[in-house]
Every structure is written in C-alpha cells, then in structure tokens.
Amino acid sequence: MDGFVHAIGGTEEHVHLAVSIPPKIAPAKFIGDVKGNSSHYVNHVIKPDFEFYWQDEYGVLSFGEKNLPAIVKYIHNQKQHHVDGTLIAAMERIDER
C-alpha cells in the first residue's frame, strides 16, 4: 500500500499505529485494509481456532514530521502510560459515560 509503519503499540483492548501513507490513499481505505488483512492473517495463519475481529470504529490523528519522535515514543510506551495514568487525551479514546 506504499505506507510506512513508524510504530505499533497498544494494550489488550486497543492498538496505536504511527504510519505515513501517501496522499493518494484515503485513511479510511488504509485502516480498512489493515484491519481486514490482519484479521485474515490471525484467523487463517496464526490462530485458526480463534475468532479475531476488530471493532467497527477507529480514530485518526494527523501530525507533522516534527512531532513524529514524540508520537513514536508515546506509542512504544503505551502500556506504561496506562499503568501510570499519563495518557494524552487527544491520543486516546476516553469515554466519559
């Protein structure tokens, strides 16, 4: 898809990706393909006896190259941010129900 993955991280319930995608690819198309291909791989190669699926919704944030190192660092330390309570609200889905 001509994208580049800078970082992948997350917890048991969600995943963060920092990616660069070419302007010709819509973010919705990219996310749909990532979800579809990864689900197929998990369900047919890694763990055929397990039913893996993604939730329907997702969030997308845009950032510039200047902020990339901080975004990558945040994603690499995702689990610790959840433990320490040092989440950045703009980068997390925080339900206030």
Protein backbone atom coordinates (compact mmCIF):
# COMPACT_ATOMS: atom_id res chain seq x y z
CA MET A 1 0.00 0.00 0.00
CA ASP A 2 3.08 2.22 -0.10
CA GLY A 3 2.69 3.16 3.55
CA PHE A 4 5.41 3.16 6.19
CA VAL A 5 4.89 2.00 9.78
CA HIS A 6 6.85 4.09 12.29
CA ALA A 7 5.46 2.46 15.45
CA ILE A 8 2.93 -0.10 16.66
CA GLY A 9 1.86 -0.42 20.27
CA GLY A 10 -1.15 -0.77 22.48
CA THR A 11 -2.88 -2.73 25.16
CA GLU A 12 -5.12 -5.79 25.18
CA GLU A 13 -8.08 -3.66 24.09
CA HIS A 14 -6.68 -1.25 21.53
CA VAL A 15 -3.79 -0.62 19.17
CA HIS A 16 -1.97 2.54 18.14
CA LEU A 17 -0.16 2.87 14.81
CA ALA A 18 2.02 5.71 13.62
CA VAL A 19 2.10 5.45 9.85
CA SER A 20 2.87 7.54 6.84
CA ILE A 21 0.54 6.93 3.93
CA PRO A 22 0.68 8.51 0.50
CA PRO A 23 -1.92 11.21 -0.23
CA LYS A 24 -3.49 9.02 -2.93
CA ILE A 25 -4.73 6.59 -0.24
CA ALA A 26 -7.64 7.68 1.94
CA PRO A 27 -7.12 6.99 5.66
CA ALA A 28 -10.39 5.01 5.73
CA LYS A 29 -9.13 2.75 2.93
CA PHE A 30 -5.79 2.25 4.67
CA ILE A 31 -7.39 1.40 8.02
CA GLY A 32 -9.92 -0.91 6.37
CA ASP A 33 -7.17 -2.80 4.58
CA VAL A 34 -5.01 -3.05 7.72
CA LYS A 35 -7.94 -4.39 9.73
CA GLY A 36 -9.07 -6.80 7.01
CA ASN A 37 -5.64 -8.18 6.21
CA SER A 38 -4.60 -8.55 9.85
CA SER A 39 -7.87 -10.29 10.78
CA HIS A 40 -7.46 -12.71 7.88
CA TYR A 41 -3.85 -13.43 8.86
CA VAL A 42 -4.68 -14.06 12.53
CA ASN A 43 -7.75 -16.19 11.74
CA HIS A 44 -6.15 -18.27 8.98
CA VAL A 45 -2.45 -18.42 9.81
CA ILE A 46 -1.62 -17.60 13.42
CA LYS A 47 -4.63 -18.97 15.25
CA PRO A 48 -7.21 -20.67 13.01
CA ASP A 49 -9.21 -21.90 16.02
CA PHE A 50 -9.67 -18.35 17.34
CA GLU A 51 -12.16 -15.78 16.09
CA PHE A 52 -10.27 -12.47 15.93
CA TYR A 53 -12.06 -9.33 14.81
CA TRP A 54 -11.74 -5.55 15.04
CA GLN A 55 -14.39 -3.18 16.33
CA ASP A 56 -16.08 -1.09 13.66
CA GLU A 57 -14.86 2.31 14.77
CA TYR A 58 -11.38 3.83 14.81
CA GLY A 59 -9.73 7.19 15.32
CA VAL A 60 -7.25 9.03 13.15
CA LEU A 61 -4.98 11.89 14.17
CA SER A 62 -2.81 13.79 11.76
CA PHE A 63 0.60 15.07 12.81
CA GLY A 64 3.65 16.55 11.19
CA GLU A 65 7.15 15.17 10.86
CA LYS A 66 8.34 17.46 13.66
CA ASN A 67 6.08 15.60 16.12
CA LEU A 68 6.90 12.09 14.88
CA PRO A 69 9.57 11.25 17.51
CA ALA A 70 7.21 12.16 20.38
CA ILE A 71 4.35 10.16 18.82
CA VAL A 72 6.58 7.10 18.32
CA LYS A 73 7.84 7.34 21.91
CA TYR A 74 4.27 7.59 23.24
CA ILE A 75 3.18 4.54 21.25
CA HIS A 76 6.20 2.47 22.31
CA ASN A 77 5.36 3.25 25.95
CA GLN A 78 1.61 2.72 25.60
CA LYS A 79 1.22 0.06 28.27
CA GLN A 80 3.21 2.08 30.81
CA HIS A 81 1.10 5.20 30.09
CA HIS A 82 -2.00 3.20 31.02
CA VAL A 83 -0.38 1.91 34.21
CA ASP A 84 0.94 5.34 35.24
CA GLY A 85 -2.14 7.31 34.18
CA THR A 86 -0.04 9.50 31.90
CA LEU A 87 -2.33 9.26 28.90
CA ILE A 88 -2.58 12.07 26.39
CA ALA A 89 -6.33 12.57 25.95
CA ALA A 90 -6.03 13.60 22.28
CA MET A 91 -4.35 10.27 21.52
CA GLU A 92 -6.78 8.10 23.48
CA ARG A 93 -10.45 7.38 23.26
CA ILE A 94 -11.66 8.38 26.67
CA ASP A 95 -15.35 7.66 27.32
CA GLU A 96 -16.98 9.93 29.83
CA ARG A 97 -20.14 7.94 30.48
